[in-house]
Amino acid sequence: MRVRQIIGDNSPIVLKTDVSMIDLELEHRVSMSLTLAPFRVMTMFIVEGQGNLNDGLGYFQKGDFVAVYSTESDAEDVHLQTSHNGYLRAVIVDVRQYDFA
């Protein structure tokens, strides 16, 4: 697994809006959970590979754009997993909903 912070905490880019951007790489049969805070939007562009979201609730592959919204008062876990045969690379942006709209 490789996670590189592009924008956000401890990254080389500083913005005035509350945004985070990571470049995520997961190897064969690896999974990762990310926390989506209340009233946030997490968008993912799938650069390479394929996988599933939240234990099979959604499937994605190279070229897909996925958006996950949180409107509840509690944080939500977003679980990503590679497909059974391989690799996943995604660029993930997490931003407040009113900054995104």
PDB file of N, CA and C in Angstrom:
ATOM      1  N   MET A   1       0.848  -1.167   0.000  1.00  0.00           N
ATOM      2  CA  MET A   1       0.000   0.000   0.000  1.00  0.00           C
ATOM      3  C   MET A   1       0.896   1.233   0.000  1.00  0.00           C
ATOM      4  N   ARG A   2       0.486   2.236  -0.756  1.00  0.00           N
ATOM      5  CA  ARG A   2       1.183   3.528  -0.751  1.00  0.00           C
ATOM      6  C   ARG A   2       0.131   4.622  -0.730  1.00  0.00           C
ATOM      7  N   VAL A   3       0.270   5.542   0.208  1.00  0.00           N
ATOM      8  CA  VAL A   3      -0.621   6.697   0.305  1.00  0.00           C
ATOM      9  C   VAL A   3       0.266   7.931   0.316  1.00  0.00           C
ATOM     10  N   ARG A   4       0.071   8.798  -0.689  1.00  0.00           N
ATOM     11  CA  ARG A   4       0.853  10.027  -0.768  1.00  0.00           C
ATOM     12  C   ARG A   4      -0.100  11.210  -0.633  1.00  0.00           C
ATOM     13  N   GLN A   5       0.112  12.025   0.405  1.00  0.00           N
ATOM     14  CA  GLN A   5      -0.710  13.206   0.647  1.00  0.00           C
ATOM     15  C   GLN A   5      -0.290  14.302  -0.333  1.00  0.00           C
ATOM     16  N   ILE A   6      -1.206  14.757  -1.196  1.00  0.00           N
ATOM     17  CA  ILE A   6      -0.925  15.791  -2.188  1.00  0.00           C
ATOM     18  C   ILE A   6      -1.347  17.161  -1.667  1.00  0.00           C
ATOM     19  N   ILE A   7      -2.555  17.231  -1.093  1.00  0.00           N
ATOM     20  CA  ILE A   7      -3.097  18.457  -0.508  1.00  0.00           C
ATOM     21  C   ILE A   7      -3.636  18.103   0.869  1.00  0.00           C
ATOM     22  N   GLY A   8      -3.407  18.956   1.855  1.00  0.00           N
ATOM     23  CA  GLY A   8      -3.920  18.708   3.196  1.00  0.00           C
ATOM     24  C   GLY A   8      -2.792  18.655   4.212  1.00  0.00           C
ATOM     25  N   ASP A   9      -3.062  18.025   5.336  1.00  0.00           N
ATOM     26  CA  ASP A   9      -2.087  17.947   6.424  1.00  0.00           C
ATOM     27  C   ASP A   9      -0.728  17.459   5.946  1.00  0.00           C
ATOM     28  N   ASN A  10       0.315  18.190   6.306  1.00  0.00           N
ATOM     29  CA  ASN A  10       1.707  17.820   6.027  1.00  0.00           C
ATOM     30  C   ASN A  10       2.010  17.616   4.543  1.00  0.00           C
ATOM     31  N   SER A  11       1.321  18.298   3.668  1.00  0.00           N
ATOM     32  CA  SER A  11       1.571  18.178   2.233  1.00  0.00           C
ATOM     33  C   SER A  11       2.309  19.409   1.725  1.00  0.00           C
ATOM     34  N   PRO A  12       2.861  19.322   0.517  1.00  0.00           N
ATOM     35  CA  PRO A  12       3.584  20.464  -0.032  1.00  0.00           C
ATOM     36  C   PRO A  12       2.681  21.607  -0.514  1.00  0.00           C
ATOM     37  N   ILE A  13       1.375  21.353  -0.650  1.00  0.00           N
ATOM     38  CA  ILE A  13       0.441  22.366  -1.151  1.00  0.00           C
ATOM     39  C   ILE A  13      -0.480  22.811  -0.019  1.00  0.00           C
ATOM     40  N   VAL A  14      -0.625  24.103   0.158  1.00  0.00           N
ATOM     41  CA  VAL A  14      -1.499  24.651   1.203  1.00  0.00           C
ATOM     42  C   VAL A  14      -2.571  25.504   0.532  1.00  0.00           C
ATOM     43  N   LEU A  15      -3.844  25.209   0.844  1.00  0.00           N
ATOM     44  CA  LEU A  15      -4.974  25.973   0.317  1.00  0.00           C
ATOM     45  C   LEU A  15      -5.768  26.549   1.479  1.00  0.00           C
ATOM     46  N   LYS A  16      -6.560  27.583   1.214  1.00  0.00           N
ATOM     47  CA  LYS A  16      -7.381  28.183   2.262  1.00  0.00           C
ATOM     48  C   LYS A  16      -8.655  27.385   2.539  1.00  0.00           C
ATOM     49  N   THR A  17      -9.091  26.574   1.611  1.00  0.00           N
ATOM     50  CA  THR A  17     -10.274  25.753   1.830  1.00  0.00           C
ATOM     51  C   THR A  17      -9.885  24.461   2.537  1.00  0.00           C
ATOM     52  N   ASP A  18     -10.831  23.849   3.211  1.00  0.00           N
ATOM     53  CA  ASP A  18     -10.609  22.610   3.943  1.00  0.00           C
ATOM     54  C   ASP A  18     -10.720  21.440   2.971  1.00  0.00           C
ATOM     55  N   VAL A  19      -9.600  21.055   2.351  1.00  0.00           N
ATOM     56  CA  VAL A  19      -9.591  20.006   1.344  1.00  0.00           C
ATOM     57  C   VAL A  19      -8.390  19.096   1.565  1.00  0.00           C
ATOM     58  N   SER A  20      -8.563  17.840   1.215  1.00  0.00           N
ATOM     59  CA  SER A  20      -7.490  16.859   1.283  1.00  0.00           C
ATOM     60  C   SER A  20      -7.469  16.101  -0.035  1.00  0.00           C
ATOM     61  N   MET A  21      -6.265  15.800  -0.535  1.00  0.00           N
ATOM     62  CA  MET A  21      -6.127  15.030  -1.779  1.00  0.00           C
ATOM     63  C   MET A  21      -5.015  14.016  -1.594  1.00  0.00           C
ATOM     64  N   ILE A  22      -5.315  12.751  -1.877  1.00  0.00           N
ATOM     65  CA  ILE A  22      -4.293  11.716  -1.770  1.00  0.00           C
ATOM     66  C   ILE A  22      -4.221  10.902  -3.058  1.00  0.00           C
ATOM     67  N   ASP A  23      -3.050  10.380  -3.307  1.00  0.00           N
ATOM     68  CA  ASP A  23      -2.791   9.441  -4.402  1.00  0.00           C
ATOM     69  C   ASP A  23      -2.628   8.090  -3.723  1.00  0.00           C
ATOM     70  N   LEU A  24      -3.556   7.171  -3.958  1.00  0.00           N
ATOM     71  CA  LEU A  24      -3.622   5.898  -3.248  1.00  0.00           C
ATOM     72  C   LEU A  24      -3.297   4.744  -4.186  1.00  0.00           C
ATOM     73  N   GLU A  25      -2.425   3.852  -3.743  1.00  0.00           N
ATOM     74  CA  GLU A  25      -2.127   2.629  -4.478  1.00  0.00           C
ATOM     75  C   GLU A  25      -2.301   1.439  -3.544  1.00  0.00           C
ATOM     76  N   LEU A  26      -3.105   0.462  -3.967  1.00  0.00           N
ATOM     77  CA  LEU A  26      -3.315  -0.756  -3.195  1.00  0.00           C
ATOM     78  C   LEU A  26      -2.927  -1.950  -4.056  1.00  0.00           C
ATOM     79  N   GLU A  27      -2.198  -2.876  -3.473  1.00  0.00           N
ATOM     80  CA  GLU A  27      -1.780  -4.085  -4.175  1.00  0.00           C
ATOM     81  C   GLU A  27      -2.853  -5.170  -4.068  1.00  0.00           C
ATOM     82  N   HIS A  28      -2.565  -6.312  -4.628  1.00  0.00           N
ATOM     83  CA  HIS A  28      -3.442  -7.479  -4.688  1.00  0.00           C
ATOM     84  C   HIS A  28      -4.102  -7.798  -3.348  1.00  0.00           C
ATOM     85  N   ARG A  29      -5.426  -7.803  -3.356  1.00  0.00           N
ATOM     86  CA  ARG A  29      -6.261  -8.175  -2.201  1.00  0.00           C
ATOM     87  C   ARG A  29      -6.001  -7.343  -0.944  1.00  0.00           C
ATOM     88  N   VAL A  30      -5.614  -6.103  -1.128  1.00  0.00           N
ATOM     89  CA  VAL A  30      -5.394  -5.209   0.003  1.00  0.00           C
ATOM     90  C   VAL A  30      -6.615  -4.304   0.137  1.00  0.00           C
ATOM     91  N   SER A  31      -6.953  -3.969   1.368  1.00  0.00           N
ATOM     92  CA  SER A  31      -8.075  -3.063   1.589  1.00  0.00           C
ATOM     93  C   SER A  31      -7.619  -1.914   2.484  1.00  0.00           C
ATOM     94  N   MET A  32      -8.424  -0.858   2.463  1.00  0.00           N
ATOM     95  CA  MET A  32      -8.123   0.320   3.280  1.00  0.00           C
ATOM     96  C   MET A  32      -9.436   1.001   3.641  1.00  0.00           C
ATOM     97  N   SER A  33      -9.496   1.522   4.860  1.00  0.00           N
ATOM     98  CA  SER A  33     -10.661   2.285   5.284  1.00  0.00           C
ATOM     99  C   SER A  33     -10.261   3.745   5.453  1.00  0.00           C
ATOM    100  N   LEU A  34     -11.101   4.635   4.941  1.00  0.00           N
ATOM    101  CA  LEU A  34     -10.929   6.074   5.090  1.00  0.00           C
ATOM    102  C   LEU A  34     -12.141   6.596   5.838  1.00  0.00           C
ATOM    103  N   THR A  35     -11.950   7.593   6.687  1.00  0.00           N
ATOM    104  CA  THR A  35     -13.062   8.161   7.438  1.00  0.00           C
ATOM    105  C   THR A  35     -13.584   9.399   6.736  1.00  0.00           C
ATOM    106  N   LEU A  36     -14.884   9.419   6.499  1.00  0.00           N
ATOM    107  CA  LEU A  36     -15.564  10.557   5.883  1.00  0.00           C
ATOM    108  C   LEU A  36     -16.324  11.286   6.985  1.00  0.00           C
ATOM    109  N   ALA A  37     -15.864  12.482   7.316  1.00  0.00           N
ATOM    110  CA  ALA A  37     -16.478  13.278   8.383  1.00  0.00           C
ATOM    111  C   ALA A  37     -17.880  13.750   7.964  1.00  0.00           C
ATOM    112  N   PRO A  38     -18.705  14.176   8.902  1.00  0.00           N
ATOM    113  CA  PRO A  38     -20.052  14.657   8.566  1.00  0.00           C
ATOM    114  C   PRO A  38     -20.015  15.811   7.569  1.00  0.00           C
ATOM    115  N   PHE A  39     -20.987  15.812   6.680  1.00  0.00           N
ATOM    116  CA  PHE A  39     -21.183  16.863   5.678  1.00  0.00           C
ATOM    117  C   PHE A  39     -19.958  17.058   4.783  1.00  0.00           C
ATOM    118  N   ARG A  40     -19.372  15.942   4.355  1.00  0.00           N
ATOM    119  CA  ARG A  40     -18.205  15.958   3.476  1.00  0.00           C
ATOM    120  C   ARG A  40     -18.538  15.176   2.206  1.00  0.00           C
ATOM    121  N   VAL A  41     -17.752  15.425   1.169  1.00  0.00           N
ATOM    122  CA  VAL A  41     -17.834  14.682  -0.089  1.00  0.00           C
ATOM    123  C   VAL A  41     -16.459  14.102  -0.356  1.00  0.00           C
ATOM    124  N   MET A  42     -16.416  12.813  -0.652  1.00  0.00           N
ATOM    125  CA  MET A  42     -15.178  12.159  -1.035  1.00  0.00           C
ATOM    126  C   MET A  42     -15.339  11.717  -2.480  1.00  0.00           C
ATOM    127  N   THR A  43     -14.490  12.246  -3.348  1.00  0.00           N
ATOM    128  CA  THR A  43     -14.537  11.857  -4.754  1.00  0.00           C
ATOM    129  C   THR A  43     -13.296  11.043  -5.075  1.00  0.00           C
ATOM    130  N   MET A  44     -13.468  10.061  -5.945  1.00  0.00           N
ATOM    131  CA  MET A  44     -12.363   9.192  -6.334  1.00  0.00           C
ATOM    132  C   MET A  44     -12.350   9.050  -7.847  1.00  0.00           C
ATOM    133  N   PHE A  45     -11.191   9.270  -8.441  1.00  0.00           N
ATOM    134  CA  PHE A  45     -11.002   8.962  -9.847  1.00  0.00           C
ATOM    135  C   PHE A  45     -10.111   7.732  -9.895  1.00  0.00           C
ATOM    136  N   ILE A  46     -10.592   6.675 -10.563  1.00  0.00           N
ATOM    137  CA  ILE A  46      -9.854   5.422 -10.619  1.00  0.00           C
ATOM    138  C   ILE A  46      -8.875   5.495 -11.789  1.00  0.00           C
ATOM    139  N   VAL A  47      -7.594   5.572 -11.459  1.00  0.00           N
ATOM    140  CA  VAL A  47      -6.539   5.725 -12.455  1.00  0.00           C
ATOM    141  C   VAL A  47      -6.180   4.385 -13.078  1.00  0.00           C
ATOM    142  N   GLU A  48      -6.073   3.352 -12.256  1.00  0.00           N
ATOM    143  CA  GLU A  48      -5.725   2.008 -12.722  1.00  0.00           C
ATOM    144  C   GLU A  48      -6.450   0.971 -11.886  1.00  0.00           C
ATOM    145  N   GLY A  49      -6.749  -0.157 -12.479  1.00  0.00           N
ATOM    146  CA  GLY A  49      -7.280  -1.297 -11.754  1.00  0.00           C
ATOM    147  C   GLY A  49      -8.773  -1.245 -11.533  1.00  0.00           C
ATOM    148  N   GLN A  50      -9.199  -2.053 -10.577  1.00  0.00           N
ATOM    149  CA  GLN A  50     -10.612  -2.153 -10.239  1.00  0.00           C
ATOM    150  C   GLN A  50     -10.751  -2.617  -8.796  1.00  0.00           C
ATOM    151  N   GLY A  51     -11.940  -2.431  -8.248  1.00  0.00           N
ATOM    152  CA  GLY A  51     -12.170  -2.832  -6.870  1.00  0.00           C
ATOM    153  C   GLY A  51     -13.604  -2.613  -6.470  1.00  0.00           C
ATOM    154  N   ASN A  52     -13.838  -2.627  -5.156  1.00  0.00           N
ATOM    155  CA  ASN A  52     -15.194  -2.411  -4.670  1.00  0.00           C
ATOM    156  C   ASN A  52     -15.178  -1.488  -3.466  1.00  0.00           C
ATOM    157  N   LEU A  53     -16.345  -0.943  -3.214  1.00  0.00           N
ATOM    158  CA  LEU A  53     -16.564   0.054  -2.168  1.00  0.00           C
ATOM    159  C   LEU A  53     -17.491  -0.539  -1.123  1.00  0.00           C
ATOM    160  N   ASN A  54     -17.120  -0.397   0.136  1.00  0.00           N
ATOM    161  CA  ASN A  54     -17.947  -0.839   1.268  1.00  0.00           C
ATOM    162  C   ASN A  54     -18.435  -2.271   1.103  1.00  0.00           C
ATOM    163  N   ASP A  55     -17.481  -3.173   0.939  1.00  0.00           N
ATOM    164  CA  ASP A  55     -17.726  -4.617   0.883  1.00  0.00           C
ATOM    165  C   ASP A  55     -18.751  -5.006  -0.180  1.00  0.00           C
ATOM    166  N   GLY A  56     -18.612  -4.432  -1.364  1.00  0.00           N
ATOM    167  CA  GLY A  56     -19.431  -4.836  -2.500  1.00  0.00           C
ATOM    168  C   GLY A  56     -20.646  -3.987  -2.783  1.00  0.00           C
ATOM    169  N   LEU A  57     -20.849  -2.888  -2.046  1.00  0.00           N
ATOM    170  CA  LEU A  57     -21.993  -2.017  -2.330  1.00  0.00           C
ATOM    171  C   LEU A  57     -21.843  -1.285  -3.660  1.00  0.00           C
ATOM    172  N   GLY A  58     -20.615  -1.113  -4.092  1.00  0.00           N
ATOM    173  CA  GLY A  58     -20.361  -0.468  -5.378  1.00  0.00           C
ATOM    174  C   GLY A  58     -19.067  -0.986  -5.964  1.00  0.00           C
ATOM    175  N   TYR A  59     -19.067  -1.209  -7.274  1.00  0.00           N
ATOM    176  CA  TYR A  59     -17.873  -1.676  -7.970  1.00  0.00           C
ATOM    177  C   TYR A  59     -17.381  -0.578  -8.897  1.00  0.00           C
ATOM    178  N   PHE A  60     -16.060  -0.509  -9.076  1.00  0.00           N
ATOM    179  CA  PHE A  60     -15.493   0.516  -9.949  1.00  0.00           C
ATOM    180  C   PHE A  60     -14.292  -0.055 -10.690  1.00  0.00           C
ATOM    181  N   GLN A  61     -13.952   0.615 -11.786  1.00  0.00           N
ATOM    182  CA  GLN A  61     -12.812   0.202 -12.602  1.00  0.00           C
ATOM    183  C   GLN A  61     -12.136   1.430 -13.200  1.00  0.00           C
ATOM    184  N   LYS A  62     -11.024   1.212 -13.876  1.00  0.00           N
ATOM    185  CA  LYS A  62     -10.240   2.291 -14.470  1.00  0.00           C
ATOM    186  C   LYS A  62     -11.140   3.252 -15.251  1.00  0.00           C
ATOM    187  N   GLY A  63     -10.967   4.547 -14.996  1.00  0.00           N
ATOM    188  CA  GLY A  63     -11.732   5.585 -15.681  1.00  0.00           C
ATOM    189  C   GLY A  63     -12.999   6.012 -14.976  1.00  0.00           C
ATOM    190  N   ASP A  64     -13.430   5.275 -13.952  1.00  0.00           N
ATOM    191  CA  ASP A  64     -14.645   5.639 -13.213  1.00  0.00           C
ATOM    192  C   ASP A  64     -14.382   6.807 -12.271  1.00  0.00           C
ATOM    193  N   PHE A  65     -15.430   7.601 -12.057  1.00  0.00           N
ATOM    194  CA  PHE A  65     -15.421   8.693 -11.084  1.00  0.00           C
ATOM    195  C   PHE A  65     -16.495   8.361 -10.058  1.00  0.00           C
ATOM    196  N   VAL A  66     -16.105   8.281  -8.795  1.00  0.00           N
ATOM    197  CA  VAL A  66     -17.009   7.862  -7.727  1.00  0.00           C
ATOM    198  C   VAL A  66     -17.127   9.001  -6.723  1.00  0.00           C
ATOM    199  N   ALA A  67     -18.349   9.296  -6.274  1.00  0.00           N
ATOM    200  CA  ALA A  67     -18.571  10.313  -5.247  1.00  0.00           C
ATOM    201  C   ALA A  67     -19.341   9.680  -4.090  1.00  0.00           C
ATOM    202  N   VAL A  68     -18.858   9.913  -2.870  1.00  0.00           N
ATOM    203  CA  VAL A  68     -19.503   9.423  -1.660  1.00  0.00           C
ATOM    204  C   VAL A  68     -19.815  10.635  -0.797  1.00  0.00           C
ATOM    205  N   TYR A  69     -21.072  10.777  -0.390  1.00  0.00           N
ATOM    206  CA  TYR A  69     -21.522  11.924   0.402  1.00  0.00           C
ATOM    207  C   TYR A  69     -21.836  11.486   1.816  1.00  0.00           C
ATOM    208  N   SER A  70     -21.551  12.345   2.777  1.00  0.00           N
ATOM    209  CA  SER A  70     -21.946  12.115   4.156  1.00  0.00           C
ATOM    210  C   SER A  70     -22.838  13.271   4.592  1.00  0.00           C
ATOM    211  N   THR A  71     -24.043  12.958   5.047  1.00  0.00           N
ATOM    212  CA  THR A  71     -24.946  14.001   5.524  1.00  0.00           C
ATOM    213  C   THR A  71     -25.332  13.787   6.981  1.00  0.00           C
ATOM    214  N   GLU A  72     -24.869  12.717   7.555  1.00  0.00           N
ATOM    215  CA  GLU A  72     -25.224  12.397   8.935  1.00  0.00           C
ATOM    216  C   GLU A  72     -24.351  13.177   9.903  1.00  0.00           C
ATOM    217  N   SER A  73     -24.735  13.165  11.154  1.00  0.00           N
ATOM    218  CA  SER A  73     -23.970  13.874  12.172  1.00  0.00           C
ATOM    219  C   SER A  73     -22.748  13.075  12.635  1.00  0.00           C
ATOM    220  N   ASP A  74     -22.678  11.800  12.264  1.00  0.00           N
ATOM    221  CA  ASP A  74     -21.542  10.958  12.639  1.00  0.00           C
ATOM    222  C   ASP A  74     -20.642  10.722  11.440  1.00  0.00           C
ATOM    223  N   ALA A  75     -19.380  10.475  11.703  1.00  0.00           N
ATOM    224  CA  ALA A  75     -18.433  10.135  10.646  1.00  0.00           C
ATOM    225  C   ALA A  75     -18.772   8.747  10.090  1.00  0.00           C
ATOM    226  N   GLU A  76     -18.429   8.521   8.832  1.00  0.00           N
ATOM    227  CA  GLU A  76     -18.650   7.231   8.187  1.00  0.00           C
ATOM    228  C   GLU A  76     -17.329   6.679   7.686  1.00  0.00           C
ATOM    229  N   ASP A  77     -17.174   5.363   7.768  1.00  0.00           N
ATOM    230  CA  ASP A  77     -15.999   4.723   7.197  1.00  0.00           C
ATOM    231  C   ASP A  77     -16.296   4.345   5.760  1.00  0.00           C
ATOM    232  N   VAL A  78     -15.347   4.631   4.876  1.00  0.00           N
ATOM    233  CA  VAL A  78     -15.433   4.243   3.475  1.00  0.00           C
ATOM    234  C   VAL A  78     -14.366   3.179   3.276  1.00  0.00           C
ATOM    235  N   HIS A  79     -14.795   1.975   2.942  1.00  0.00           N
ATOM    236  CA  HIS A  79     -13.897   0.832   2.832  1.00  0.00           C
ATOM    237  C   HIS A  79     -13.637   0.542   1.348  1.00  0.00           C
ATOM    238  N   LEU A  80     -12.359   0.575   0.945  1.00  0.00           N
ATOM    239  CA  LEU A  80     -11.957   0.282  -0.431  1.00  0.00           C
ATOM    240  C   LEU A  80     -11.182  -1.025  -0.460  1.00  0.00           C
ATOM    241  N   GLN A  81     -11.417  -1.829  -1.493  1.00  0.00           N
ATOM    242  CA  GLN A  81     -10.683  -3.079  -1.630  1.00  0.00           C
ATOM    243  C   GLN A  81     -10.390  -3.341  -3.102  1.00  0.00           C
ATOM    244  N   THR A  82      -9.202  -3.863  -3.377  1.00  0.00           N
ATOM    245  CA  THR A  82      -8.860  -4.217  -4.752  1.00  0.00           C
ATOM    246  C   THR A  82      -9.689  -5.415  -5.183  1.00  0.00           C
ATOM    247  N   SER A  83      -9.776  -5.619  -6.487  1.00  0.00           N
ATOM    248  CA  SER A  83     -10.457  -6.811  -6.987  1.00  0.00           C
ATOM    249  C   SER A  83      -9.597  -8.030  -6.667  1.00  0.00           C
ATOM    250  N   HIS A  84     -10.149  -9.205  -6.905  1.00  0.00           N
ATOM    251  CA  HIS A  84      -9.448 -10.443  -6.563  1.00  0.00           C
ATOM    252  C   HIS A  84      -8.151 -10.629  -7.341  1.00  0.00           C
ATOM    253  N   ASN A  85      -7.980  -9.916  -8.445  1.00  0.00           N
ATOM    254  CA  ASN A  85      -6.803 -10.150  -9.283  1.00  0.00           C
ATOM    255  C   ASN A  85      -5.816  -8.998  -9.309  1.00  0.00           C
ATOM    256  N   GLY A  86      -5.946  -8.018  -8.416  1.00  0.00           N
ATOM    257  CA  GLY A  86      -4.888  -7.060  -8.559  1.00  0.00           C
ATOM    258  C   GLY A  86      -4.861  -5.722  -7.901  1.00  0.00           C
ATOM    259  N   TYR A  87      -4.401  -4.804  -8.653  1.00  0.00           N
ATOM    260  CA  TYR A  87      -3.896  -3.501  -8.271  1.00  0.00           C
ATOM    261  C   TYR A  87      -4.975  -2.429  -8.417  1.00  0.00           C
ATOM    262  N   LEU A  88      -4.897  -1.420  -7.541  1.00  0.00           N
ATOM    263  CA  LEU A  88      -5.810  -0.281  -7.629  1.00  0.00           C
ATOM    264  C   LEU A  88      -5.024   0.997  -7.374  1.00  0.00           C
ATOM    265  N   ARG A  89      -5.202   1.974  -8.252  1.00  0.00           N
ATOM    266  CA  ARG A  89      -4.653   3.311  -8.016  1.00  0.00           C
ATOM    267  C   ARG A  89      -5.789   4.306  -8.188  1.00  0.00           C
ATOM    268  N   ALA A  90      -5.962   5.184  -7.185  1.00  0.00           N
ATOM    269  CA  ALA A  90      -7.034   6.174  -7.207  1.00  0.00           C
ATOM    270  C   ALA A  90      -6.534   7.499  -6.669  1.00  0.00           C
ATOM    271  N   VAL A  91      -7.054   8.581  -7.233  1.00  0.00           N
ATOM    272  CA  VAL A  91      -6.824   9.918  -6.698  1.00  0.00           C
ATOM    273  C   VAL A  91      -8.096  10.289  -5.944  1.00  0.00           C
ATOM    274  N   ILE A  92      -7.943  10.606  -4.663  1.00  0.00           N
ATOM    275  CA  ILE A  92      -9.085  10.831  -3.785  1.00  0.00           C
ATOM    276  C   ILE A  92      -9.047  12.263  -3.248  1.00  0.00           C
ATOM    277  N   VAL A  93     -10.176  12.960  -3.388  1.00  0.00           N
ATOM    278  CA  VAL A  93     -10.313  14.329  -2.879  1.00  0.00           C
ATOM    279  C   VAL A  93     -11.449  14.338  -1.866  1.00  0.00           C
ATOM    280  N   ASP A  94     -11.198  14.909  -0.687  1.00  0.00           N
ATOM    281  CA  ASP A  94     -12.185  15.021   0.381  1.00  0.00           C
ATOM    282  C   ASP A  94     -12.380  16.513   0.658  1.00  0.00           C
ATOM    283  N   VAL A  95     -13.629  16.995   0.552  1.00  0.00           N
ATOM    284  CA  VAL A  95     -13.921  18.424   0.690  1.00  0.00           C
ATOM    285  C   VAL A  95     -15.282  18.595   1.379  1.00  0.00           C
ATOM    286  N   ARG A  96     -15.484  19.735   2.047  1.00  0.00           N
ATOM    287  CA  ARG A  96     -16.804  20.022   2.623  1.00  0.00           C
ATOM    288  C   ARG A  96     -17.833  20.120   1.502  1.00  0.00           C
ATOM    289  N   GLN A  97     -19.052  19.708   1.762  1.00  0.00           N
ATOM    290  CA  GLN A  97     -20.079  19.708   0.730  1.00  0.00           C
ATOM    291  C   GLN A  97     -20.338  21.096   0.170  1.00  0.00           C
ATOM    292  N   TYR A  98     -20.385  22.114   0.987  1.00  0.00           N
ATOM    293  CA  TYR A  98     -20.712  23.437   0.466  1.00  0.00           C
ATOM    294  C   TYR A  98     -19.538  24.034  -0.324  1.00  0.00           C
ATOM    295  N   ASP A  99     -18.310  23.528  -0.147  1.00  0.00           N
ATOM    296  CA  ASP A  99     -17.184  23.956  -0.989  1.00  0.00           C
ATOM    297  C   ASP A  99     -17.223  23.276  -2.341  1.00  0.00           C
ATOM    298  N   PHE A 100     -17.824  22.086  -2.390  1.00  0.00           N
ATOM    299  CA  PHE A 100     -17.865  21.276  -3.604  1.00  0.00           C
ATOM    300  C   PHE A 100     -18.976  21.691  -4.552  1.00  0.00           C
ATOM    301  N   ALA A 101     -20.104  22.100  -4.007  1.00  0.00           N
ATOM    302  CA  ALA A 101     -21.290  22.393  -4.827  1.00  0.00           C
ATOM    303  C   ALA A 101     -21.111  23.640  -5.679  1.00  0.00           C
TER     304      ALA A 101
END
